[in-house]
Amino acid sequence: SSSVGKENEPGQTNLFGIWNFDGEDVYKKIVEATENFSDTHCIGIGG
C-alpha cells in the first residue's frame, strides 16, 4: 500500500500484529493519535 505502513522504521511493531490481543490498547492509541478526536485532526464530516 502507498498509504499504510510504508514509513515503518526497523524495530517498530506493526500494530495489526497485536491489536487482536489488546482492544483497550487499540482504543487508547486511537484516542492519543487524534488527541481525543480533536478538530485539528478532523479531515471530514458526514451525515
All heavy atoms as atom14 arrays in JSON, in Angstrom:
{
  "sequence": "SSSVGKENEPGQTNLFGIWNFDGEDVYKKIVEATENFSDTHCIGIGG",
  "atom14_mask": [
    [1, 1, 1, 1, 1, 1, 0, 0, 0, 0, 0, 0, 0, 0],
    [1, 1, 1, 1, 1, 1, 0, 0, 0, 0, 0, 0, 0, 0],
    [1, 1, 1, 1, 1, 1, 0, 0, 0, 0, 0, 0, 0, 0],
    [1, 1, 1, 1, 1, 1, 1, 0, 0, 0, 0, 0, 0, 0],
    [1, 1, 1, 1, 0, 0, 0, 0, 0, 0, 0, 0, 0, 0],
    [1, 1, 1, 1, 1, 1, 1, 1, 1, 0, 0, 0, 0, 0],
    [1, 1, 1, 1, 1, 1, 1, 1, 1, 0, 0, 0, 0, 0],
    [1, 1, 1, 1, 1, 1, 1, 1, 0, 0, 0, 0, 0, 0],
    [1, 1, 1, 1, 1, 1, 1, 1, 1, 0, 0, 0, 0, 0],
    [1, 1, 1, 1, 1, 1, 1, 0, 0, 0, 0, 0, 0, 0],
    [1, 1, 1, 1, 0, 0, 0, 0, 0, 0, 0, 0, 0, 0],
    [1, 1, 1, 1, 1, 1, 1, 1, 1, 0, 0, 0, 0, 0],
    [1, 1, 1, 1, 1, 1, 1, 0, 0, 0, 0, 0, 0, 0],
    [1, 1, 1, 1, 1, 1, 1, 1, 0, 0, 0, 0, 0, 0],
    [1, 1, 1, 1, 1, 1, 1, 1, 0, 0, 0, 0, 0, 0],
    [1, 1, 1, 1, 1, 1, 1, 1, 1, 1, 1, 0, 0, 0],
    [1, 1, 1, 1, 0, 0, 0, 0, 0, 0, 0, 0, 0, 0],
    [1, 1, 1, 1, 1, 1, 1, 1, 0, 0, 0, 0, 0, 0],
    [1, 1, 1, 1, 1, 1, 1, 1, 1, 1, 1, 1, 1, 1],
    [1, 1, 1, 1, 1, 1, 1, 1, 0, 0, 0, 0, 0, 0],
    [1, 1, 1, 1, 1, 1, 1, 1, 1, 1, 1, 0, 0, 0],
    [1, 1, 1, 1, 1, 1, 1, 1, 0, 0, 0, 0, 0, 0],
    [1, 1, 1, 1, 0, 0, 0, 0, 0, 0, 0, 0, 0, 0],
    [1, 1, 1, 1, 1, 1, 1, 1, 1, 0, 0, 0, 0, 0],
    [1, 1, 1, 1, 1, 1, 1, 1, 0, 0, 0, 0, 0, 0],
    [1, 1, 1, 1, 1, 1, 1, 0, 0, 0, 0, 0, 0, 0],
    [1, 1, 1, 1, 1, 1, 1, 1, 1, 1, 1, 1, 0, 0],
    [1, 1, 1, 1, 1, 1, 1, 1, 1, 0, 0, 0, 0, 0],
    [1, 1, 1, 1, 1, 1, 1, 1, 1, 0, 0, 0, 0, 0],
    [1, 1, 1, 1, 1, 1, 1, 1, 0, 0, 0, 0, 0, 0],
    [1, 1, 1, 1, 1, 1, 1, 0, 0, 0, 0, 0, 0, 0],
    [1, 1, 1, 1, 1, 1, 1, 1, 1, 0, 0, 0, 0, 0],
    [1, 1, 1, 1, 1, 0, 0, 0, 0, 0, 0, 0, 0, 0],
    [1, 1, 1, 1, 1, 1, 1, 0, 0, 0, 0, 0, 0, 0],
    [1, 1, 1, 1, 1, 1, 1, 1, 1, 0, 0, 0, 0, 0],
    [1, 1, 1, 1, 1, 1, 1, 1, 0, 0, 0, 0, 0, 0],
    [1, 1, 1, 1, 1, 1, 1, 1, 1, 1, 1, 0, 0, 0],
    [1, 1, 1, 1, 1, 1, 0, 0, 0, 0, 0, 0, 0, 0],
    [1, 1, 1, 1, 1, 1, 1, 1, 0, 0, 0, 0, 0, 0],
    [1, 1, 1, 1, 1, 1, 1, 0, 0, 0, 0, 0, 0, 0],
    [1, 1, 1, 1, 1, 1, 1, 1, 1, 1, 0, 0, 0, 0],
    [1, 1, 1, 1, 1, 1, 0, 0, 0, 0, 0, 0, 0, 0],
    [1, 1, 1, 1, 1, 1, 1, 1, 0, 0, 0, 0, 0, 0],
    [1, 1, 1, 1, 0, 0, 0, 0, 0, 0, 0, 0, 0, 0],
    [1, 1, 1, 1, 1, 1, 1, 1, 0, 0, 0, 0, 0, 0],
    [1, 1, 1, 1, 0, 0, 0, 0, 0, 0, 0, 0, 0, 0],
    [1, 1, 1, 1, 0, 0, 0, 0, 0, 0, 0, 0, 0, 0]
  ],
  "atom14_positions": [
    [[0.83, -1.2, 0.0], [0.0, 0.0, 0.0], [0.87, 1.24, 0.0], [1.92, 1.3, 0.61], [-0.91, 0.02, 1.24], [-1.51, 1.27, 1.38], [0.0, 0.0, 0.0], [0.0, 0.0, 0.0], [0.0, 0.0, 0.0], [0.0, 0.0, 0.0], [0.0, 0.0, 0.0], [0.0, 0.0, 0.0], [0.0, 0.0, 0.0], [0.0, 0.0, 0.0]],
    [[0.38, 2.28, -0.67], [1.11, 3.54, -0.68], [0.77, 4.38, 0.53], [1.37, 5.41, 0.76], [0.73, 4.33, -1.95], [-0.65, 4.63, -1.95], [0.0, 0.0, 0.0], [0.0, 0.0, 0.0], [0.0, 0.0, 0.0], [0.0, 0.0, 0.0], [0.0, 0.0, 0.0], [0.0, 0.0, 0.0], [0.0, 0.0, 0.0], [0.0, 0.0, 0.0]],
    [[-0.22, 3.94, 1.32], [-0.7, 4.78, 2.41], [-0.4, 4.21, 3.78], [-0.25, 4.96, 4.73], [-2.23, 4.95, 2.28], [-2.56, 5.5, 1.05], [0.0, 0.0, 0.0], [0.0, 0.0, 0.0], [0.0, 0.0, 0.0], [0.0, 0.0, 0.0], [0.0, 0.0, 0.0], [0.0, 0.0, 0.0], [0.0, 0.0, 0.0], [0.0, 0.0, 0.0]],
    [[-0.35, 2.91, 3.93], [-0.27, 2.31, 5.26], [1.04, 1.58, 5.44], [1.41, 0.73, 4.64], [-1.43, 1.34, 5.48], [-1.36, 0.72, 6.85], [-2.77, 2.05, 5.3], [0.0, 0.0, 0.0], [0.0, 0.0, 0.0], [0.0, 0.0, 0.0], [0.0, 0.0, 0.0], [0.0, 0.0, 0.0], [0.0, 0.0, 0.0], [0.0, 0.0, 0.0]],
    [[1.76, 1.92, 6.5], [2.92, 1.16, 6.89], [4.15, 1.38, 6.04], [5.18, 0.75, 6.25], [0.0, 0.0, 0.0], [0.0, 0.0, 0.0], [0.0, 0.0, 0.0], [0.0, 0.0, 0.0], [0.0, 0.0, 0.0], [0.0, 0.0, 0.0], [0.0, 0.0, 0.0], [0.0, 0.0, 0.0], [0.0, 0.0, 0.0], [0.0, 0.0, 0.0]],
    [[4.12, 2.3, 5.1], [5.26, 2.44, 4.21], [6.44, 3.12, 4.88], [7.56, 3.02, 4.4], [4.85, 3.23, 2.96], [4.45, 4.68, 3.25], [4.02, 5.39, 1.98], [3.58, 6.82, 2.26], [3.16, 7.52, 1.04], [0.0, 0.0, 0.0], [0.0, 0.0, 0.0], [0.0, 0.0, 0.0], [0.0, 0.0, 0.0], [0.0, 0.0, 0.0]],
    [[6.2, 3.81, 6.0], [7.28, 4.53, 6.65], [7.73, 3.85, 7.94], [8.43, 4.45, 8.75], [6.82, 5.97, 6.95], [6.5, 6.76, 5.69], [6.07, 8.18, 6.01], [5.89, 8.47, 7.22], [5.91, 8.98, 5.09], [0.0, 0.0, 0.0], [0.0, 0.0, 0.0], [0.0, 0.0, 0.0], [0.0, 0.0, 0.0], [0.0, 0.0, 0.0]],
    [[7.32, 2.61, 8.15], [7.74, 1.91, 9.37], [9.25, 1.82, 9.44], [9.92, 1.51, 8.46], [7.16, 0.49, 9.38], [5.7, 0.5, 9.78], [5.12, 1.56, 9.94], [5.12, -0.67, 9.9], [0.0, 0.0, 0.0], [0.0, 0.0, 0.0], [0.0, 0.0, 0.0], [0.0, 0.0, 0.0], [0.0, 0.0, 0.0], [0.0, 0.0, 0.0]],
    [[9.8, 2.08, 10.59], [11.23, 2.0, 10.8], [11.6, 0.63, 11.35], [10.79, -0.03, 11.99], [11.67, 3.1, 11.78], [11.45, 4.51, 11.23], [11.86, 5.57, 12.24], [12.13, 5.2, 13.4], [11.93, 6.74, 11.86], [0.0, 0.0, 0.0], [0.0, 0.0, 0.0], [0.0, 0.0, 0.0], [0.0, 0.0, 0.0], [0.0, 0.0, 0.0]],
    [[12.84, 0.19, 11.12], [13.27, -1.1, 11.66], [13.08, -1.15, 13.17], [13.34, -0.18, 13.88], [14.75, -1.15, 11.28], [14.87, -0.25, 10.09], [13.88, 0.86, 10.33], [0.0, 0.0, 0.0], [0.0, 0.0, 0.0], [0.0, 0.0, 0.0], [0.0, 0.0, 0.0], [0.0, 0.0, 0.0], [0.0, 0.0, 0.0], [0.0, 0.0, 0.0]],
    [[12.57, -2.27, 13.65], [12.4, -2.44, 15.08], [11.03, -2.05, 15.59], [10.68, -2.35, 16.71], [0.0, 0.0, 0.0], [0.0, 0.0, 0.0], [0.0, 0.0, 0.0], [0.0, 0.0, 0.0], [0.0, 0.0, 0.0], [0.0, 0.0, 0.0], [0.0, 0.0, 0.0], [0.0, 0.0, 0.0], [0.0, 0.0, 0.0], [0.0, 0.0, 0.0]],
    [[10.25, -1.36, 14.73], [8.91, -0.99, 15.16], [7.93, -2.12, 14.87], [8.11, -2.92, 13.97], [8.46, 0.28, 14.43], [9.18, 1.53, 14.91], [8.6, 2.78, 14.28], [8.27, 2.78, 13.11], [8.49, 3.83, 15.05], [0.0, 0.0, 0.0], [0.0, 0.0, 0.0], [0.0, 0.0, 0.0], [0.0, 0.0, 0.0], [0.0, 0.0, 0.0]],
    [[6.88, -2.19, 15.66], [5.91, -3.27, 15.55], [4.71, -2.81, 14.75], [4.16, -1.75, 15.0], [5.44, -3.71, 16.95], [6.57, -4.1, 17.71], [4.47, -4.88, 16.84], [0.0, 0.0, 0.0], [0.0, 0.0, 0.0], [0.0, 0.0, 0.0], [0.0, 0.0, 0.0], [0.0, 0.0, 0.0], [0.0, 0.0, 0.0], [0.0, 0.0, 0.0]],
    [[4.32, -3.59, 13.77], [3.09, -3.31, 13.03], [1.91, -3.59, 13.96], [1.72, -4.71, 14.41], [3.04, -4.21, 11.8], [1.82, -3.9, 10.94], [0.73, -3.66, 11.43], [2.03, -3.91, 9.63], [0.0, 0.0, 0.0], [0.0, 0.0, 0.0], [0.0, 0.0, 0.0], [0.0, 0.0, 0.0], [0.0, 0.0, 0.0], [0.0, 0.0, 0.0]],
    [[1.11, -2.56, 14.21], [0.05, -2.7, 15.21], [-0.99, -3.75, 14.83], [-1.63, -4.33, 15.69], [-0.64, -1.36, 15.43], [0.14, -0.36, 16.29], [-0.71, 0.86, 16.57], [0.57, -1.0, 17.6], [0.0, 0.0, 0.0], [0.0, 0.0, 0.0], [0.0, 0.0, 0.0], [0.0, 0.0, 0.0], [0.0, 0.0, 0.0], [0.0, 0.0, 0.0]],
    [[-1.14, -4.04, 13.54], [-2.11, -5.05, 13.16], [-1.71, -6.42, 13.66], [-2.52, -7.32, 13.75], [-2.31, -5.08, 11.65], [-3.25, -4.01, 11.19], [-2.79, -2.98, 10.4], [-4.57, -4.02, 11.57], [-3.65, -1.98, 9.99], [-5.44, -3.03, 11.16], [-4.97, -2.01, 10.37], [0.0, 0.0, 0.0], [0.0, 0.0, 0.0], [0.0, 0.0, 0.0]],
    [[-0.43, -6.59, 14.01], [0.02, -7.87, 14.53], [-0.37, -8.07, 15.98], [-0.35, -9.19, 16.48], [0.0, 0.0, 0.0], [0.0, 0.0, 0.0], [0.0, 0.0, 0.0], [0.0, 0.0, 0.0], [0.0, 0.0, 0.0], [0.0, 0.0, 0.0], [0.0, 0.0, 0.0], [0.0, 0.0, 0.0], [0.0, 0.0, 0.0], [0.0, 0.0, 0.0]],
    [[-0.74, -7.0, 16.7], [-1.02, -7.14, 18.13], [-2.43, -6.7, 18.51], [-2.89, -7.0, 19.6], [-0.01, -6.34, 18.97], [-0.15, -4.83, 18.69], [1.4, -6.81, 18.71], [0.67, -3.97, 19.64], [0.0, 0.0, 0.0], [0.0, 0.0, 0.0], [0.0, 0.0, 0.0], [0.0, 0.0, 0.0], [0.0, 0.0, 0.0], [0.0, 0.0, 0.0]],
    [[-3.14, -6.01, 17.62], [-4.41, -5.41, 18.01], [-5.44, -6.44, 18.44], [-6.26, -6.17, 19.29], [-4.96, -4.57, 16.85], [-4.37, -3.21, 16.83], [-3.31, -2.77, 17.55], [-4.81, -2.1, 16.05], [-3.06, -1.45, 17.25], [-3.96, -1.02, 16.34], [-5.83, -1.92, 15.13], [-4.1, 0.22, 15.75], [-5.97, -0.68, 14.53], [-5.12, 0.37, 14.84]],
    [[-5.43, -7.59, 17.83], [-6.42, -8.6, 18.21], [-6.32, -9.0, 19.67], [-7.25, -9.54, 20.24], [-6.25, -9.86, 17.35], [-7.18, -9.84, 16.14], [-8.11, -9.04, 16.09], [-6.93, -10.71, 15.2], [0.0, 0.0, 0.0], [0.0, 0.0, 0.0], [0.0, 0.0, 0.0], [0.0, 0.0, 0.0], [0.0, 0.0, 0.0], [0.0, 0.0, 0.0]],
    [[-5.17, -8.75, 20.27], [-4.94, -9.25, 21.62], [-5.18, -8.2, 22.71], [-5.19, -8.53, 23.88], [-3.5, -9.77, 21.71], [-3.18, -10.8, 20.67], [-2.44, -10.47, 19.55], [-3.65, -12.09, 20.79], [-2.17, -11.41, 18.58], [-3.38, -13.04, 19.82], [-2.64, -12.7, 18.7], [0.0, 0.0, 0.0], [0.0, 0.0, 0.0], [0.0, 0.0, 0.0]],
    [[-5.33, -6.96, 22.34], [-5.48, -5.92, 23.36], [-6.35, -4.79, 22.84], [-5.86, -3.78, 22.36], [-4.11, -5.39, 23.77], [-4.18, -4.55, 25.05], [-5.3, -4.17, 25.45], [-3.13, -4.3, 25.64], [0.0, 0.0, 0.0], [0.0, 0.0, 0.0], [0.0, 0.0, 0.0], [0.0, 0.0, 0.0], [0.0, 0.0, 0.0], [0.0, 0.0, 0.0]],
    [[-7.66, -4.97, 22.95], [-8.58, -3.96, 22.47], [-8.46, -2.64, 23.19], [-8.57, -1.58, 22.6], [0.0, 0.0, 0.0], [0.0, 0.0, 0.0], [0.0, 0.0, 0.0], [0.0, 0.0, 0.0], [0.0, 0.0, 0.0], [0.0, 0.0, 0.0], [0.0, 0.0, 0.0], [0.0, 0.0, 0.0], [0.0, 0.0, 0.0], [0.0, 0.0, 0.0]],
    [[-8.22, -2.69, 24.48], [-8.08, -1.46, 25.24], [-6.89, -0.64, 24.72], [-6.94, 0.59, 24.67], [-7.88, -1.79, 26.73], [-9.1, -2.41, 27.39], [-10.23, -1.41, 27.61], [-10.0, -0.2, 27.42], [-11.34, -1.84, 27.97], [0.0, 0.0, 0.0], [0.0, 0.0, 0.0], [0.0, 0.0, 0.0], [0.0, 0.0, 0.0], [0.0, 0.0, 0.0]],
    [[-5.82, -1.32, 24.33], [-4.65, -0.63, 23.82], [-4.95, 0.05, 22.48], [-4.49, 1.15, 22.21], [-3.48, -1.61, 23.66], [-2.18, -0.91, 23.32], [-1.81, 0.02, 24.06], [-1.55, -1.29, 22.32], [0.0, 0.0, 0.0], [0.0, 0.0, 0.0], [0.0, 0.0, 0.0], [0.0, 0.0, 0.0], [0.0, 0.0, 0.0], [0.0, 0.0, 0.0]],
    [[-5.75, -0.62, 21.66], [-6.15, -0.02, 20.39], [-6.91, 1.27, 20.63], [-6.61, 2.31, 20.05], [-7.05, -1.0, 19.59], [-7.52, -0.33, 18.3], [-6.3, -2.27, 19.29], [0.0, 0.0, 0.0], [0.0, 0.0, 0.0], [0.0, 0.0, 0.0], [0.0, 0.0, 0.0], [0.0, 0.0, 0.0], [0.0, 0.0, 0.0], [0.0, 0.0, 0.0]],
    [[-7.9, 1.19, 21.5], [-8.71, 2.36, 21.79], [-7.83, 3.51, 22.3], [-7.95, 4.65, 21.85], [-9.78, 2.02, 22.82], [-10.75, 3.15, 23.06], [-11.89, 3.28, 22.26], [-10.53, 4.1, 24.05], [-12.78, 4.33, 22.44], [-11.41, 5.15, 24.24], [-12.54, 5.25, 23.44], [-13.4, 6.29, 23.62], [0.0, 0.0, 0.0], [0.0, 0.0, 0.0]],
    [[-6.92, 3.19, 23.2], [-6.05, 4.21, 23.77], [-5.17, 4.85, 22.7], [-5.02, 6.08, 22.67], [-5.17, 3.57, 24.85], [-4.21, 4.55, 25.52], [-3.37, 3.84, 26.58], [-2.37, 4.8, 27.21], [-1.52, 4.11, 28.2], [0.0, 0.0, 0.0], [0.0, 0.0, 0.0], [0.0, 0.0, 0.0], [0.0, 0.0, 0.0], [0.0, 0.0, 0.0]],
    [[-4.62, 4.04, 21.8], [-3.73, 4.58, 20.77], [-4.48, 5.47, 19.77], [-3.96, 6.49, 19.32], [-3.01, 3.44, 20.05], [-1.83, 2.88, 20.82], [-1.11, 1.8, 20.04], [0.24, 1.46, 20.67], [0.15, 1.03, 22.06], [0.0, 0.0, 0.0], [0.0, 0.0, 0.0], [0.0, 0.0, 0.0], [0.0, 0.0, 0.0], [0.0, 0.0, 0.0]],
    [[-5.71, 5.09, 19.43], [-6.5, 5.91, 18.52], [-6.85, 7.24, 19.17], [-6.75, 8.3, 18.55], [-7.79, 5.16, 18.1], [-7.45, 3.97, 17.21], [-8.74, 6.11, 17.39], [-6.89, 4.31, 15.86], [0.0, 0.0, 0.0], [0.0, 0.0, 0.0], [0.0, 0.0, 0.0], [0.0, 0.0, 0.0], [0.0, 0.0, 0.0], [0.0, 0.0, 0.0]],
    [[-7.25, 7.2, 20.44], [-7.6, 8.43, 21.15], [-6.38, 9.33, 21.27], [-6.46, 10.55, 21.07], [-8.19, 8.1, 22.55], [-8.32, 9.36, 23.38], [-9.54, 7.41, 22.39], [0.0, 0.0, 0.0], [0.0, 0.0, 0.0], [0.0, 0.0, 0.0], [0.0, 0.0, 0.0], [0.0, 0.0, 0.0], [0.0, 0.0, 0.0], [0.0, 0.0, 0.0]],
    [[-5.22, 8.76, 21.59], [-4.0, 9.55, 21.7], [-3.61, 10.16, 20.35], [-3.21, 11.32, 20.27], [-2.86, 8.69, 22.23], [-3.01, 8.31, 23.7], [-1.91, 7.37, 24.17], [-1.14, 6.87, 23.31], [-1.82, 7.14, 25.39], [0.0, 0.0, 0.0], [0.0, 0.0, 0.0], [0.0, 0.0, 0.0], [0.0, 0.0, 0.0], [0.0, 0.0, 0.0]],
    [[-3.7, 9.36, 19.29], [-3.29, 9.83, 17.97], [-4.16, 10.97, 17.46], [-3.7, 11.84, 16.71], [-3.32, 8.68, 16.97], [0.0, 0.0, 0.0], [0.0, 0.0, 0.0], [0.0, 0.0, 0.0], [0.0, 0.0, 0.0], [0.0, 0.0, 0.0], [0.0, 0.0, 0.0], [0.0, 0.0, 0.0], [0.0, 0.0, 0.0], [0.0, 0.0, 0.0]],
    [[-5.43, 10.99, 17.88], [-6.34, 12.04, 17.43], [-6.54, 13.12, 18.51], [-7.36, 14.02, 18.32], [-7.72, 11.45, 17.08], [-8.26, 10.79, 18.23], [-7.61, 10.46, 15.92], [0.0, 0.0, 0.0], [0.0, 0.0, 0.0], [0.0, 0.0, 0.0], [0.0, 0.0, 0.0], [0.0, 0.0, 0.0], [0.0, 0.0, 0.0], [0.0, 0.0, 0.0]],
    [[-5.76, 13.02, 19.59], [-5.9, 13.95, 20.73], [-7.36, 14.04, 21.16], [-7.95, 15.11, 21.24], [-5.35, 15.33, 20.36], [-3.85, 15.34, 20.07], [-3.34, 16.71, 19.73], [-3.5, 17.12, 18.56], [-2.77, 17.36, 20.63], [0.0, 0.0, 0.0], [0.0, 0.0, 0.0], [0.0, 0.0, 0.0], [0.0, 0.0, 0.0], [0.0, 0.0, 0.0]],
    [[-7.9, 12.84, 21.43], [-9.29, 12.69, 21.86], [-10.24, 13.28, 20.82], [-11.19, 14.0, 21.14], [-9.53, 13.33, 23.23], [-10.8, 12.82, 23.86], [-11.31, 11.75, 23.52], [-11.35, 13.6, 24.79], [0.0, 0.0, 0.0], [0.0, 0.0, 0.0], [0.0, 0.0, 0.0], [0.0, 0.0, 0.0], [0.0, 0.0, 0.0], [0.0, 0.0, 0.0]],
    [[-9.98, 12.96, 19.56], [-10.8, 13.38, 18.43], [-10.93, 14.91, 18.37], [-12.03, 15.46, 18.25], [-12.17, 12.69, 18.5], [-12.09, 11.2, 18.41], [-12.18, 10.42, 19.56], [-11.86, 10.57, 17.2], [-12.07, 9.03, 19.5], [-11.75, 9.18, 17.14], [-11.86, 8.41, 18.28], [0.0, 0.0, 0.0], [0.0, 0.0, 0.0], [0.0, 0.0, 0.0]],
    [[-9.77, 15.53, 18.42], [-9.7, 16.99, 18.32], [-10.02, 17.45, 16.9], [-9.72, 16.76, 15.92], [-8.29, 17.47, 18.7], [-8.07, 18.8, 18.29], [0.0, 0.0, 0.0], [0.0, 0.0, 0.0], [0.0, 0.0, 0.0], [0.0, 0.0, 0.0], [0.0, 0.0, 0.0], [0.0, 0.0, 0.0], [0.0, 0.0, 0.0], [0.0, 0.0, 0.0]],
    [[-10.59, 18.64, 16.79], [-10.92, 19.2, 15.48], [-9.68, 19.37, 14.6], [-9.78, 19.37, 13.37], [-11.61, 20.56, 15.64], [-13.02, 20.44, 16.19], [-13.57, 19.31, 16.18], [-13.58, 21.47, 16.61], [0.0, 0.0, 0.0], [0.0, 0.0, 0.0], [0.0, 0.0, 0.0], [0.0, 0.0, 0.0], [0.0, 0.0, 0.0], [0.0, 0.0, 0.0]],
    [[-8.53, 19.51, 15.21], [-7.3, 19.7, 14.43], [-6.95, 18.46, 13.62], [-6.19, 18.54, 12.65], [-6.11, 20.05, 15.34], [-5.93, 18.99, 16.29], [-6.35, 21.35, 16.08], [0.0, 0.0, 0.0], [0.0, 0.0, 0.0], [0.0, 0.0, 0.0], [0.0, 0.0, 0.0], [0.0, 0.0, 0.0], [0.0, 0.0, 0.0], [0.0, 0.0, 0.0]],
    [[-7.49, 17.32, 13.98], [-7.24, 16.07, 13.26], [-8.41, 15.66, 12.37], [-8.35, 14.62, 11.72], [-6.92, 14.94, 14.25], [-5.68, 15.17, 15.05], [-4.42, 14.87, 14.58], [-5.5, 15.71, 16.29], [-3.51, 15.19, 15.49], [-4.15, 15.7, 16.54], [0.0, 0.0, 0.0], [0.0, 0.0, 0.0], [0.0, 0.0, 0.0], [0.0, 0.0, 0.0]],
    [[-9.47, 16.46, 12.38], [-10.65, 16.13, 11.6], [-10.41, 16.43, 10.12], [-9.97, 17.53, 9.76], [-11.86, 16.92, 12.1], [-13.41, 16.48, 11.29], [0.0, 0.0, 0.0], [0.0, 0.0, 0.0], [0.0, 0.0, 0.0], [0.0, 0.0, 0.0], [0.0, 0.0, 0.0], [0.0, 0.0, 0.0], [0.0, 0.0, 0.0], [0.0, 0.0, 0.0]],
    [[-10.7, 15.45, 9.25], [-10.48, 15.64, 7.82], [-11.78, 15.54, 7.03], [-11.78, 15.63, 5.8], [-9.46, 14.61, 7.27], [-9.9, 13.18, 7.57], [-8.08, 14.88, 7.84], [-9.0, 12.12, 6.96], [0.0, 0.0, 0.0], [0.0, 0.0, 0.0], [0.0, 0.0, 0.0], [0.0, 0.0, 0.0], [0.0, 0.0, 0.0], [0.0, 0.0, 0.0]],
    [[-12.9, 15.36, 7.72], [-14.18, 15.3, 7.02], [-15.33, 15.09, 7.97], [-15.17, 14.46, 9.03], [0.0, 0.0, 0.0], [0.0, 0.0, 0.0], [0.0, 0.0, 0.0], [0.0, 0.0, 0.0], [0.0, 0.0, 0.0], [0.0, 0.0, 0.0], [0.0, 0.0, 0.0], [0.0, 0.0, 0.0], [0.0, 0.0, 0.0], [0.0, 0.0, 0.0]],
    [[-16.49, 15.62, 7.6], [-17.7, 15.47, 8.41], [-18.82, 14.98, 7.52], [-19.1, 15.58, 6.48], [-18.1, 16.8, 9.09], [-16.99, 17.29, 10.01], [-19.4, 16.62, 9.87], [-17.26, 18.65, 10.63], [0.0, 0.0, 0.0], [0.0, 0.0, 0.0], [0.0, 0.0, 0.0], [0.0, 0.0, 0.0], [0.0, 0.0, 0.0], [0.0, 0.0, 0.0]],
    [[-19.44, 13.86, 7.9], [-20.54, 13.3, 7.13], [-21.83, 13.32, 7.9], [-21.9, 13.88, 9.01], [0.0, 0.0, 0.0], [0.0, 0.0, 0.0], [0.0, 0.0, 0.0], [0.0, 0.0, 0.0], [0.0, 0.0, 0.0], [0.0, 0.0, 0.0], [0.0, 0.0, 0.0], [0.0, 0.0, 0.0], [0.0, 0.0, 0.0], [0.0, 0.0, 0.0]],
    [[-22.85, 12.71, 7.33], [-24.16, 12.73, 7.95], [-24.24, 11.95, 9.24], [-25.02, 12.3, 10.12], [0.0, 0.0, 0.0], [0.0, 0.0, 0.0], [0.0, 0.0, 0.0], [0.0, 0.0, 0.0], [0.0, 0.0, 0.0], [0.0, 0.0, 0.0], [0.0, 0.0, 0.0], [0.0, 0.0, 0.0], [0.0, 0.0, 0.0], [0.0, 0.0, 0.0]]
  ]
}
